[in-house]
PDB file of N, CA and C in Angstrom:
ATOM      1  N   UNK A   1     259.971 156.110  49.170  1.00  0.00           N
ATOM      2  CA  UNK A   1     260.879 157.179  49.288  1.00  0.00           C
ATOM      3  C   UNK A   1     262.440 156.472  49.842  1.00  0.00           C
ATOM      4  N   UNK A   2     262.973 155.429  49.945  1.00  0.00           N
ATOM      5  CA  UNK A   2     263.955 154.988  50.266  1.00  0.00           C
ATOM      6  C   UNK A   2     264.628 153.765  49.357  1.00  0.00           C
ATOM      7  N   UNK A   3     264.193 153.753  48.267  1.00  0.00           N
ATOM      8  CA  UNK A   3     264.824 152.878  47.135  1.00  0.00           C
ATOM      9  C   UNK A   3     266.136 153.162  46.882  1.00  0.00           C
ATOM     10  N   UNK A   4     266.810 152.435  47.026  1.00  0.00           N
ATOM     11  CA  UNK A   4     268.176 152.053  47.256  1.00  0.00           C
ATOM     12  C   UNK A   4     269.076 152.772  48.279  1.00  0.00           C
ATOM     13  N   UNK A   5     268.387 152.817  49.591  1.00  0.00           N
ATOM     14  CA  UNK A   5     269.009 152.756  50.614  1.00  0.00           C
ATOM     15  C   UNK A   5     269.941 152.114  51.316  1.00  0.00           C
ATOM     16  N   UNK A   6     270.998 152.484  51.399  1.00  0.00           N
ATOM     17  CA  UNK A   6     272.152 151.627  51.392  1.00  0.00           C
ATOM     18  C   UNK A   6     272.096 151.143  52.928  1.00  0.00           C
ATOM     19  N   UNK A   7     272.739 150.266  52.871  1.00  0.00           N
ATOM     20  CA  UNK A   7     272.462 149.439  53.982  1.00  0.00           C
ATOM     21  C   UNK A   7     273.434 149.921  54.988  1.00  0.00           C
ATOM     22  N   UNK A   8     273.187 149.851  56.529  1.00  0.00           N
ATOM     23  CA  UNK A   8     274.168 150.643  57.394  1.00  0.00           C
ATOM     24  C   UNK A   8     273.334 151.421  58.364  1.00  0.00           C
ATOM     25  N   UNK A   9     274.145 152.080  59.187  1.00  0.00           N
ATOM     26  CA  UNK A   9     273.524 152.907  60.337  1.00  0.00           C
ATOM     27  C   UNK A   9     273.703 154.521  59.810  1.00  0.00           C
ATOM     28  N   UNK A  10     274.593 154.798  58.587  1.00  0.00           N
ATOM     29  CA  UNK A  10     274.479 156.157  58.383  1.00  0.00           C
ATOM     30  C   UNK A  10     273.122 156.876  58.078  1.00  0.00           C
ATOM     31  N   UNK A  11     271.982 156.532  57.938  1.00  0.00           N
ATOM     32  CA  UNK A  11     270.808 157.355  57.688  1.00  0.00           C
ATOM     33  C   UNK A  11     269.810 156.872  58.715  1.00  0.00           C
ATOM     34  N   UNK A  12     270.434 155.835  59.738  1.00  0.00           N
ATOM     35  CA  UNK A  12     269.113 155.123  60.696  1.00  0.00           C
ATOM     36  C   UNK A  12     268.227 155.749  61.465  1.00  0.00           C
ATOM     37  N   UNK A  13     269.100 156.974  62.153  1.00  0.00           N
ATOM     38  CA  UNK A  13     268.350 157.940  63.076  1.00  0.00           C
ATOM     39  C   UNK A  13     267.220 158.663  62.535  1.00  0.00           C
ATOM     40  N   UNK A  14     267.675 158.997  61.112  1.00  0.00           N
ATOM     41  CA  UNK A  14     267.080 159.977  60.513  1.00  0.00           C
ATOM     42  C   UNK A  14     265.805 159.486  59.868  1.00  0.00           C
ATOM     43  N   UNK A  15     265.725 158.035  59.200  1.00  0.00           N
ATOM     44  CA  UNK A  15     264.627 157.510  58.775  1.00  0.00           C
ATOM     45  C   UNK A  15     264.081 156.731  60.054  1.00  0.00           C
ATOM     46  N   UNK A  16     264.434 156.399  60.957  1.00  0.00           N
ATOM     47  CA  UNK A  16     263.720 155.815  62.171  1.00  0.00           C
ATOM     48  C   UNK A  16     262.953 157.072  62.884  1.00  0.00           C
ATOM     49  N   UNK A  17     263.490 158.065  63.072  1.00  0.00           N
ATOM     50  CA  UNK A  17     262.487 159.302  63.348  1.00  0.00           C
ATOM     51  C   UNK A  17     261.509 159.568  62.164  1.00  0.00           C
ATOM     52  N   UNK A  18     261.700 159.496  60.970  1.00  0.00           N
ATOM     53  CA  UNK A  18     260.616 159.704  60.012  1.00  0.00           C
ATOM     54  C   UNK A  18     259.615 158.841  60.123  1.00  0.00           C
ATOM     55  N   UNK A  19     259.969 157.556  60.570  1.00  0.00           N
ATOM     56  CA  UNK A  19     258.845 156.379  60.540  1.00  0.00           C
ATOM     57  C   UNK A  19     257.983 156.615  61.740  1.00  0.00           C
ATOM     58  N   UNK A  20     259.068 157.127  62.993  1.00  0.00           N
ATOM     59  CA  UNK A  20     258.314 157.184  64.236  1.00  0.00           C
ATOM     60  C   UNK A  20     257.330 158.110  64.491  1.00  0.00           C
ATOM     61  N   UNK A  21     257.690 159.485  63.715  1.00  0.00           N
ATOM     62  CA  UNK A  21     256.645 160.243  63.701  1.00  0.00           C
ATOM     63  C   UNK A  21     255.610 160.262  62.807  1.00  0.00           C
ATOM     64  N   UNK A  22     255.748 159.147  61.831  1.00  0.00           N
ATOM     65  CA  UNK A  22     254.190 159.066  61.035  1.00  0.00           C
ATOM     66  C   UNK A  22     253.445 158.010  61.854  1.00  0.00           C
ATOM     67  N   UNK A  23     254.003 157.008  62.740  1.00  0.00           N
ATOM     68  CA  UNK A  23     253.742 156.208  63.286  1.00  0.00           C
ATOM     69  C   UNK A  23     252.546 157.122  64.597  1.00  0.00           C
ATOM     70  N   UNK A  24     253.366 157.954  65.291  1.00  0.00           N
ATOM     71  CA  UNK A  24     252.451 158.857  66.073  1.00  0.00           C
ATOM     72  C   UNK A  24     251.219 159.624  65.350  1.00  0.00           C
ATOM     73  N   UNK A  25     251.483 160.139  64.052  1.00  0.00           N
ATOM     74  CA  UNK A  25     250.590 160.679  63.797  1.00  0.00           C
ATOM     75  C   UNK A  25     249.452 160.229  63.142  1.00  0.00           C
ATOM     76  N   UNK A  26     249.552 158.561  63.442  1.00  0.00           N
ATOM     77  CA  UNK A  26     248.497 157.388  62.860  1.00  0.00           C
ATOM     78  C   UNK A  26     248.061 157.112  64.363  1.00  0.00           C
ATOM     79  N   UNK A  27     248.581 157.462  65.306  1.00  0.00           N
ATOM     80  CA  UNK A  27     248.244 156.797  66.663  1.00  0.00           C
ATOM     81  C   UNK A  27     246.928 156.910  66.788  1.00  0.00           C
ATOM     82  N   UNK A  28     246.262 157.889  66.865  1.00  0.00           N
ATOM     83  CA  UNK A  28     244.827 157.999  67.452  1.00  0.00           C
ATOM     84  C   UNK A  28     243.919 157.238  66.711  1.00  0.00           C
ATOM     85  N   UNK A  29     244.398 157.706  65.099  1.00  0.00           N
ATOM     86  CA  UNK A  29     243.258 156.340  64.154  1.00  0.00           C
ATOM     87  C   UNK A  29     243.505 155.242  64.455  1.00  0.00           C
ATOM     88  N   UNK A  30     244.517 154.547  64.903  1.00  0.00           N
ATOM     89  CA  UNK A  30     244.569 153.375  65.031  1.00  0.00           C
ATOM     90  C   UNK A  30     244.322 152.901  66.522  1.00  0.00           C
ATOM     91  N   UNK A  31     243.913 153.582  67.232  1.00  0.00           N
ATOM     92  CA  UNK A  31     243.610 153.316  68.762  1.00  0.00           C
ATOM     93  C   UNK A  31     241.859 153.536  68.570  1.00  0.00           C
ATOM     94  N   UNK A  32     241.263 153.985  67.640  1.00  0.00           N
ATOM     95  CA  UNK A  32     239.999 154.800  67.216  1.00  0.00           C
ATOM     96  C   UNK A  32     239.301 153.144  66.606  1.00  0.00           C
ATOM     97  N   UNK A  33     240.149 152.207  66.418  1.00  0.00           N
ATOM     98  CA  UNK A  33     239.494 150.833  65.866  1.00  0.00           C
ATOM     99  C   UNK A  33     240.137 149.699  66.806  1.00  0.00           C
ATOM    100  N   UNK A  34     238.826 149.407  67.710  1.00  0.00           N
ATOM    101  CA  UNK A  34     239.104 148.582  68.981  1.00  0.00           C
ATOM    102  C   UNK A  34     239.935 147.275  68.598  1.00  0.00           C
ATOM    103  N   UNK A  35     239.995 146.819  67.142  1.00  0.00           N
ATOM    104  CA  UNK A  35     240.459 145.486  66.699  1.00  0.00           C
ATOM    105  C   UNK A  35     241.768 145.936  66.701  1.00  0.00           C
ATOM    106  N   UNK A  36     242.618 147.045  66.624  1.00  0.00           N
ATOM    107  CA  UNK A  36     244.094 147.607  66.802  1.00  0.00           C
ATOM    108  C   UNK A  36     244.494 147.467  67.788  1.00  0.00           C
ATOM    109  N   UNK A  37     243.793 148.107  68.923  1.00  0.00           N
ATOM    110  CA  UNK A  37     244.132 148.302  70.148  1.00  0.00           C
ATOM    111  C   UNK A  37     245.087 147.348  70.642  1.00  0.00           C
ATOM    112  N   UNK A  38     246.688 147.198  71.212  1.00  0.00           N
ATOM    113  CA  UNK A  38     247.288 146.127  71.822  1.00  0.00           C
ATOM    114  C   UNK A  38     247.868 145.089  70.235  1.00  0.00           C
ATOM    115  N   UNK A  39     247.874 145.768  69.624  1.00  0.00           N
ATOM    116  CA  UNK A  39     248.215 144.896  68.330  1.00  0.00           C
ATOM    117  C   UNK A  39     250.037 145.539  67.681  1.00  0.00           C
ATOM    118  N   UNK A  40     250.554 145.060  66.915  1.00  0.00           N
ATOM    119  CA  UNK A  40     251.815 145.625  66.352  1.00  0.00           C
ATOM    120  C   UNK A  40     251.425 145.916  64.802  1.00  0.00           C
ATOM    121  N   UNK A  41     251.965 147.494  64.784  1.00  0.00           N
ATOM    122  CA  UNK A  41     251.759 148.092  63.368  1.00  0.00           C
ATOM    123  C   UNK A  41     253.219 147.953  62.743  1.00  0.00           C
ATOM    124  N   UNK A  42     253.326 147.354  61.505  1.00  0.00           N
ATOM    125  CA  UNK A  42     254.374 147.305  60.687  1.00  0.00           C
ATOM    126  C   UNK A  42     254.377 148.653  59.647  1.00  0.00           C
ATOM    127  N   UNK A  43     255.104 149.236  59.835  1.00  0.00           N
ATOM    128  CA  UNK A  43     255.438 150.684  59.038  1.00  0.00           C
ATOM    129  C   UNK A  43     256.670 150.407  57.827  1.00  0.00           C
ATOM    130  N   UNK A  44     256.374 151.068  56.783  1.00  0.00           N
ATOM    131  CA  UNK A  44     257.227 151.032  55.883  1.00  0.00           C
ATOM    132  C   UNK A  44     257.020 152.066  55.011  1.00  0.00           C
ATOM    133  N   UNK A  45     258.003 153.105  54.697  1.00  0.00           N
ATOM    134  CA  UNK A  45     258.081 154.237  53.750  1.00  0.00           C
ATOM    135  C   UNK A  45     256.731 154.563  53.823  1.00  0.00           C
ATOM    136  N   UNK A  46     256.145 155.192  55.113  1.00  0.00           N
ATOM    137  CA  UNK A  46     255.591 156.034  55.445  1.00  0.00           C
ATOM    138  C   UNK A  46     254.013 155.415  55.278  1.00  0.00           C
ATOM    139  N   UNK A  47     253.739 154.287  55.678  1.00  0.00           N
ATOM    140  CA  UNK A  47     252.612 153.459  55.205  1.00  0.00           C
ATOM    141  C   UNK A  47     252.346 152.481  56.247  1.00  0.00           C
ATOM    142  N   UNK A  48     251.219 152.177  56.902  1.00  0.00           N
ATOM    143  CA  UNK A  48     251.089 151.055  58.080  1.00  0.00           C
ATOM    144  C   UNK A  48     250.857 149.749  56.781  1.00  0.00           C
ATOM    145  N   UNK A  49     251.534 149.006  56.658  1.00  0.00           N
ATOM    146  CA  UNK A  49     251.777 147.847  55.759  1.00  0.00           C
ATOM    147  C   UNK A  49     250.756 146.587  56.511  1.00  0.00           C
ATOM    148  N   UNK A  50     250.393 146.735  57.941  1.00  0.00           N
ATOM    149  CA  UNK A  50     249.903 145.526  58.471  1.00  0.00           C
ATOM    150  C   UNK A  50     249.689 146.144  59.713  1.00  0.00           C
ATOM    151  N   UNK A  51     248.670 145.198  60.318  1.00  0.00           N
ATOM    152  CA  UNK A  51     248.553 145.393  61.762  1.00  0.00           C
ATOM    153  C   UNK A  51     248.614 143.942  62.020  1.00  0.00           C
ATOM    154  N   UNK A  52     249.440 143.435  63.214  1.00  0.00           N
ATOM    155  CA  UNK A  52     249.801 141.865  63.650  1.00  0.00           C
ATOM    156  C   UNK A  52     249.067 141.438  65.031  1.00  0.00           C
ATOM    157  N   UNK A  53     248.310 140.531  65.421  1.00  0.00           N
ATOM    158  CA  UNK A  53     248.193 140.054  66.651  1.00  0.00           C
ATOM    159  C   UNK A  53     249.477 140.183  67.535  1.00  0.00           C
ATOM    160  N   UNK A  54     250.866 139.813  67.129  1.00  0.00           N
ATOM    161  CA  UNK A  54     251.832 139.100  68.091  1.00  0.00           C
ATOM    162  C   UNK A  54     252.846 140.040  67.176  1.00  0.00           C
ATOM    163  N   UNK A  55     254.007 140.238  67.904  1.00  0.00           N
ATOM    164  CA  UNK A  55     255.071 140.837  67.779  1.00  0.00           C
ATOM    165  C   UNK A  55     255.970 140.005  66.442  1.00  0.00           C
ATOM    166  N   UNK A  56     255.895 138.731  66.889  1.00  0.00           N
ATOM    167  CA  UNK A  56     256.597 137.709  65.987  1.00  0.00           C
ATOM    168  C   UNK A  56     255.950 137.913  64.644  1.00  0.00           C
ATOM    169  N   UNK A  57     254.720 137.427  64.566  1.00  0.00           N
ATOM    170  CA  UNK A  57     253.869 137.761  62.905  1.00  0.00           C
ATOM    171  C   UNK A  57     254.439 139.159  62.425  1.00  0.00           C
ATOM    172  N   UNK A  58     254.546 140.337  63.328  1.00  0.00           N
ATOM    173  CA  UNK A  58     254.671 141.508  62.562  1.00  0.00           C
ATOM    174  C   UNK A  58     256.241 141.454  61.925  1.00  0.00           C
ATOM    175  N   UNK A  59     256.989 140.812  62.871  1.00  0.00           N
ATOM    176  CA  UNK A  59     258.805 140.733  62.195  1.00  0.00           C
ATOM    177  C   UNK A  59     258.762 139.888  61.187  1.00  0.00           C
ATOM    178  N   UNK A  60     258.006 138.715  61.387  1.00  0.00           N
ATOM    179  CA  UNK A  60     258.102 137.584  60.552  1.00  0.00           C
ATOM    180  C   UNK A  60     257.971 138.312  58.796  1.00  0.00           C
ATOM    181  N   UNK A  61     256.680 139.096  59.108  1.00  0.00           N
ATOM    182  CA  UNK A  61     255.896 139.728  57.974  1.00  0.00           C
ATOM    183  C   UNK A  61     257.218 140.672  57.260  1.00  0.00           C
ATOM    184  N   UNK A  62     257.557 141.196  58.143  1.00  0.00           N
ATOM    185  CA  UNK A  62     258.630 142.813  57.861  1.00  0.00           C
ATOM    186  C   UNK A  62     259.486 141.895  57.110  1.00  0.00           C
ATOM    187  N   UNK A  63     260.327 140.766  57.577  1.00  0.00           N
ATOM    188  CA  UNK A  63     261.847 140.367  57.199  1.00  0.00           C
ATOM    189  C   UNK A  63     261.546 139.422  55.765  1.00  0.00           C
ATOM    190  N   UNK A  64     259.964 139.287  55.406  1.00  0.00           N
ATOM    191  CA  UNK A  64     260.232 138.520  54.166  1.00  0.00           C
ATOM    192  C   UNK A  64     259.619 139.548  53.162  1.00  0.00           C
ATOM    193  N   UNK A  65     259.626 140.882  53.454  1.00  0.00           N
ATOM    194  CA  UNK A  65     259.032 141.956  52.519  1.00  0.00           C
ATOM    195  C   UNK A  65     260.223 143.245  52.173  1.00  0.00           C
ATOM    196  N   UNK A  66     260.689 143.271  53.128  1.00  0.00           N
ATOM    197  CA  UNK A  66     261.352 144.813  53.172  1.00  0.00           C
ATOM    198  C   UNK A  66     262.958 144.265  53.680  1.00  0.00           C
ATOM    199  N   UNK A  67     263.850 145.054  53.132  1.00  0.00           N
ATOM    200  CA  UNK A  67     265.361 145.332  53.487  1.00  0.00           C
ATOM    201  C   UNK A  67     265.205 145.638  54.808  1.00  0.00           C
ATOM    202  N   UNK A  68     266.636 145.304  55.329  1.00  0.00           N
ATOM    203  CA  UNK A  68     266.774 145.775  56.463  1.00  0.00           C
ATOM    204  C   UNK A  68     266.861 147.285  56.622  1.00  0.00           C
ATOM    205  N   UNK A  69     266.732 147.775  57.710  1.00  0.00           N
ATOM    206  CA  UNK A  69     266.843 149.364  58.375  1.00  0.00           C
ATOM    207  C   UNK A  69     265.803 150.094  57.184  1.00  0.00           C
ATOM    208  N   UNK A  70     264.773 149.432  56.949  1.00  0.00           N
ATOM    209  CA  UNK A  70     263.614 150.021  56.276  1.00  0.00           C
ATOM    210  C   UNK A  70     262.164 149.773  56.683  1.00  0.00           C
ATOM    211  N   UNK A  71     262.269 149.562  57.865  1.00  0.00           N
ATOM    212  CA  UNK A  71     260.686 149.386  58.710  1.00  0.00           C
ATOM    213  C   UNK A  71     260.561 149.505  60.052  1.00  0.00           C
ATOM    214  N   UNK A  72     259.835 149.723  60.480  1.00  0.00           N
ATOM    215  CA  UNK A  72     259.665 149.685  62.003  1.00  0.00           C
ATOM    216  C   UNK A  72     258.599 148.494  62.437  1.00  0.00           C
ATOM    217  N   UNK A  73     258.513 148.439  63.457  1.00  0.00           N
ATOM    218  CA  UNK A  73     257.216 147.693  64.292  1.00  0.00           C
ATOM    219  C   UNK A  73     256.691 148.494  65.526  1.00  0.00           C
ATOM    220  N   UNK A  74     255.980 148.992  65.778  1.00  0.00           N
ATOM    221  CA  UNK A  74     255.275 149.781  66.785  1.00  0.00           C
ATOM    222  C   UNK A  74     254.085 149.053  67.552  1.00  0.00           C
ATOM    223  N   UNK A  75     254.335 149.029  68.818  1.00  0.00           N
ATOM    224  CA  UNK A  75     253.124 148.299  69.828  1.00  0.00           C
ATOM    225  C   UNK A  75     251.835 149.443  69.618  1.00  0.00           C
ATOM    226  N   UNK A  76     251.001 149.209  69.541  1.00  0.00           N
ATOM    227  CA  UNK A  76     249.582 150.300  69.277  1.00  0.00           C
ATOM    228  C   UNK A  76     248.941 150.394  70.682  1.00  0.00           C
ATOM    229  N   UNK A  77     249.799 151.048  71.667  1.00  0.00           N
ATOM    230  CA  UNK A  77     249.146 151.420  72.887  1.00  0.00           C
ATOM    231  C   UNK A  77     248.747 153.124  73.028  1.00  0.00           C
ATOM    232  N   UNK A  78     248.048 153.433  73.771  1.00  0.00           N
ATOM    233  CA  UNK A  78     247.995 154.782  74.019  1.00  0.00           C
ATOM    234  C   UNK A  78     249.124 155.538  74.358  1.00  0.00           C
ATOM    235  N   UNK A  79     249.160 156.790  74.511  1.00  0.00           N
ATOM    236  CA  UNK A  79     250.533 157.403  75.064  1.00  0.00           C
ATOM    237  C   UNK A  79     250.646 157.452  76.358  1.00  0.00           C
ATOM    238  N   UNK A  80     249.887 157.107  77.064  1.00  0.00           N
ATOM    239  CA  UNK A  80     249.842 157.552  78.467  1.00  0.00           C
ATOM    240  C   UNK A  80     249.610 155.900  79.223  1.00  0.00           C
ATOM    241  N   UNK A  81     249.989 154.609  78.019  1.00  0.00           N
ATOM    242  CA  UNK A  81     249.855 153.711  78.736  1.00  0.00           C
ATOM    243  C   UNK A  81     251.351 152.829  78.443  1.00  0.00           C
ATOM    244  N   UNK A  82     251.630 151.960  79.625  1.00  0.00           N
ATOM    245  CA  UNK A  82     252.841 151.381  79.431  1.00  0.00           C
ATOM    246  C   UNK A  82     252.615 149.799  79.488  1.00  0.00           C
ATOM    247  N   UNK A  83     253.774 149.415  79.263  1.00  0.00           N
ATOM    248  CA  UNK A  83     253.821 147.870  79.328  1.00  0.00           C
ATOM    249  C   UNK A  83     254.902 147.142  79.700  1.00  0.00           C
ATOM    250  N   UNK A  84     255.383 146.097  80.172  1.00  0.00           N
ATOM    251  CA  UNK A  84     256.476 145.557  80.647  1.00  0.00           C
ATOM    252  C   UNK A  84     257.728 145.981  79.861  1.00  0.00           C
ATOM    253  N   UNK A  85     257.410 145.980  78.718  1.00  0.00           N
ATOM    254  CA  UNK A  85     258.846 145.736  77.768  1.00  0.00           C
ATOM    255  C   UNK A  85     258.147 146.486  76.555  1.00  0.00           C
ATOM    256  N   UNK A  86     259.037 147.509  76.028  1.00  0.00           N
ATOM    257  CA  UNK A  86     258.269 148.565  74.805  1.00  0.00           C
ATOM    258  C   UNK A  86     258.892 148.124  73.662  1.00  0.00           C
ATOM    259  N   UNK A  87     258.001 147.646  72.526  1.00  0.00           N
ATOM    260  CA  UNK A  87     258.860 147.449  71.380  1.00  0.00           C
ATOM    261  C   UNK A  87     259.100 148.315  70.244  1.00  0.00           C
ATOM    262  N   UNK A  88     260.370 148.655  69.947  1.00  0.00           N
ATOM    263  CA  UNK A  88     260.608 149.537  68.656  1.00  0.00           C
ATOM    264  C   UNK A  88     261.312 149.002  68.293  1.00  0.00           C
ATOM    265  N   UNK A  89     261.014 148.238  66.993  1.00  0.00           N
ATOM    266  CA  UNK A  89     262.016 148.020  66.032  1.00  0.00           C
ATOM    267  C   UNK A  89     262.554 148.307  64.608  1.00  0.00           C
ATOM    268  N   UNK A  90     263.894 148.323  64.363  1.00  0.00           N
ATOM    269  CA  UNK A  90     264.031 149.037  63.347  1.00  0.00           C
ATOM    270  C   UNK A  90     265.022 148.150  62.489  1.00  0.00           C
ATOM    271  N   UNK A  91     264.208 147.336  61.744  1.00  0.00           N
ATOM    272  CA  UNK A  91     264.900 146.170  61.004  1.00  0.00           C
ATOM    273  C   UNK A  91     266.242 145.511  61.586  1.00  0.00           C
ATOM    274  N   UNK A  92     266.160 144.431  62.113  1.00  0.00           N
ATOM    275  CA  UNK A  92     267.318 143.656  62.921  1.00  0.00           C
ATOM    276  C   UNK A  92     268.565 143.308  61.727  1.00  0.00           C
ATOM    277  N   UNK A  93     269.641 143.472  62.380  1.00  0.00           N
ATOM    278  CA  UNK A  93     270.720 142.973  61.324  1.00  0.00           C
ATOM    279  C   UNK A  93     270.773 141.776  60.936  1.00  0.00           C
TER     280      UNK A  93
END
Protein backbone atom coordinates (compact mmCIF):
# COMPACT_ATOMS: atom_id res chain seq x y z
CA UNK A 1 0.00 0.00 0.00
CA UNK A 2 2.76 2.47 0.87
CA UNK A 3 5.57 1.16 -1.33
CA UNK A 4 8.02 3.92 -2.00
CA UNK A 5 6.71 5.93 0.94
CA UNK A 6 8.98 8.92 1.30
CA UNK A 7 10.63 9.09 4.70
CA UNK A 8 9.60 12.08 6.70
CA UNK A 9 6.57 13.50 8.33
CA UNK A 10 4.60 14.74 5.31
CA UNK A 11 2.12 11.87 5.42
CA UNK A 12 2.79 10.79 8.99
CA UNK A 13 -0.60 11.70 10.42
CA UNK A 14 -2.57 10.27 7.50
CA UNK A 15 -0.73 6.92 7.57
CA UNK A 16 -0.87 6.75 11.37
CA UNK A 17 -4.64 7.35 11.31
CA UNK A 18 -5.15 4.60 8.71
CA UNK A 19 -3.16 2.08 10.75
CA UNK A 20 -4.82 3.08 14.01
CA UNK A 21 -8.29 2.80 12.48
CA UNK A 22 -7.35 -0.67 11.20
CA UNK A 23 -6.13 -1.67 14.69
CA UNK A 24 -9.41 -0.59 16.30
CA UNK A 25 -11.38 -2.47 13.63
CA UNK A 26 -9.55 -5.65 14.72
CA UNK A 27 -9.47 -4.98 18.46
CA UNK A 28 -12.54 -7.07 19.38
CA UNK A 29 -11.17 -9.99 17.36
CA UNK A 30 -7.79 -9.69 19.09
CA UNK A 31 -9.37 -9.45 22.55
CA UNK A 32 -11.49 -12.55 21.84
CA UNK A 33 -8.28 -14.57 21.86
CA UNK A 34 -7.10 -14.77 25.50
CA UNK A 35 -3.53 -15.34 24.29
CA UNK A 36 -3.42 -11.83 22.78
CA UNK A 37 -4.83 -9.74 25.63
CA UNK A 38 -2.21 -7.39 27.11
CA UNK A 39 0.26 -8.17 24.32
CA UNK A 40 1.51 -5.86 21.55
CA UNK A 41 0.30 -5.88 17.94
CA UNK A 42 2.64 -4.92 15.12
CA UNK A 43 0.68 -3.42 12.22
CA UNK A 44 2.06 -2.81 8.74
CA UNK A 45 0.10 -2.16 5.53
CA UNK A 46 -3.21 -2.73 7.32
CA UNK A 47 -2.16 -6.21 8.36
CA UNK A 48 -1.31 -7.59 11.78
CA UNK A 49 2.24 -8.78 11.26
CA UNK A 50 2.59 -10.29 14.69
CA UNK A 51 1.56 -10.24 18.32
CA UNK A 52 4.37 -10.03 20.87
CA UNK A 53 4.68 -10.58 24.61
CA UNK A 54 6.64 -7.37 25.13
CA UNK A 55 6.89 -3.98 23.53
CA UNK A 56 10.65 -4.52 23.13
CA UNK A 57 10.08 -7.71 21.12
CA UNK A 58 7.54 -5.94 18.90
CA UNK A 59 9.77 -2.96 18.16
CA UNK A 60 12.83 -5.16 17.55
CA UNK A 61 10.86 -7.20 15.02
CA UNK A 62 9.43 -4.09 13.35
CA UNK A 63 12.77 -2.33 12.97
CA UNK A 64 14.32 -5.43 11.41
CA UNK A 65 11.56 -5.74 8.79
CA UNK A 66 10.07 -2.37 7.92
CA UNK A 67 11.01 1.13 6.90
CA UNK A 68 10.63 3.95 9.41
CA UNK A 69 7.17 5.53 9.51
CA UNK A 70 5.57 2.45 7.95
CA UNK A 71 4.23 0.56 10.97
CA UNK A 72 2.63 1.02 14.37
CA UNK A 73 2.70 -1.00 17.57
CA UNK A 74 -0.41 -1.02 19.74
CA UNK A 75 -1.07 -2.46 23.18
CA UNK A 76 -3.97 -4.93 23.01
CA UNK A 77 -6.28 -3.82 25.80
CA UNK A 78 -10.00 -3.12 25.91
CA UNK A 79 -11.16 0.39 25.14
CA UNK A 80 -12.17 1.05 28.75
CA UNK A 81 -8.95 -0.33 30.22
CA UNK A 82 -5.98 1.87 31.01
CA UNK A 83 -2.34 1.24 31.75
CA UNK A 84 0.28 3.34 33.48
CA UNK A 85 1.70 4.27 30.09
CA UNK A 86 -0.02 3.83 26.75
CA UNK A 87 2.15 2.68 23.88
CA UNK A 88 1.53 3.93 20.41
CA UNK A 89 4.57 3.78 18.23
CA UNK A 90 4.86 4.89 14.68
CA UNK A 91 8.36 3.98 13.57
CA UNK A 92 10.98 5.86 15.54
CA UNK A 93 13.40 7.92 13.49
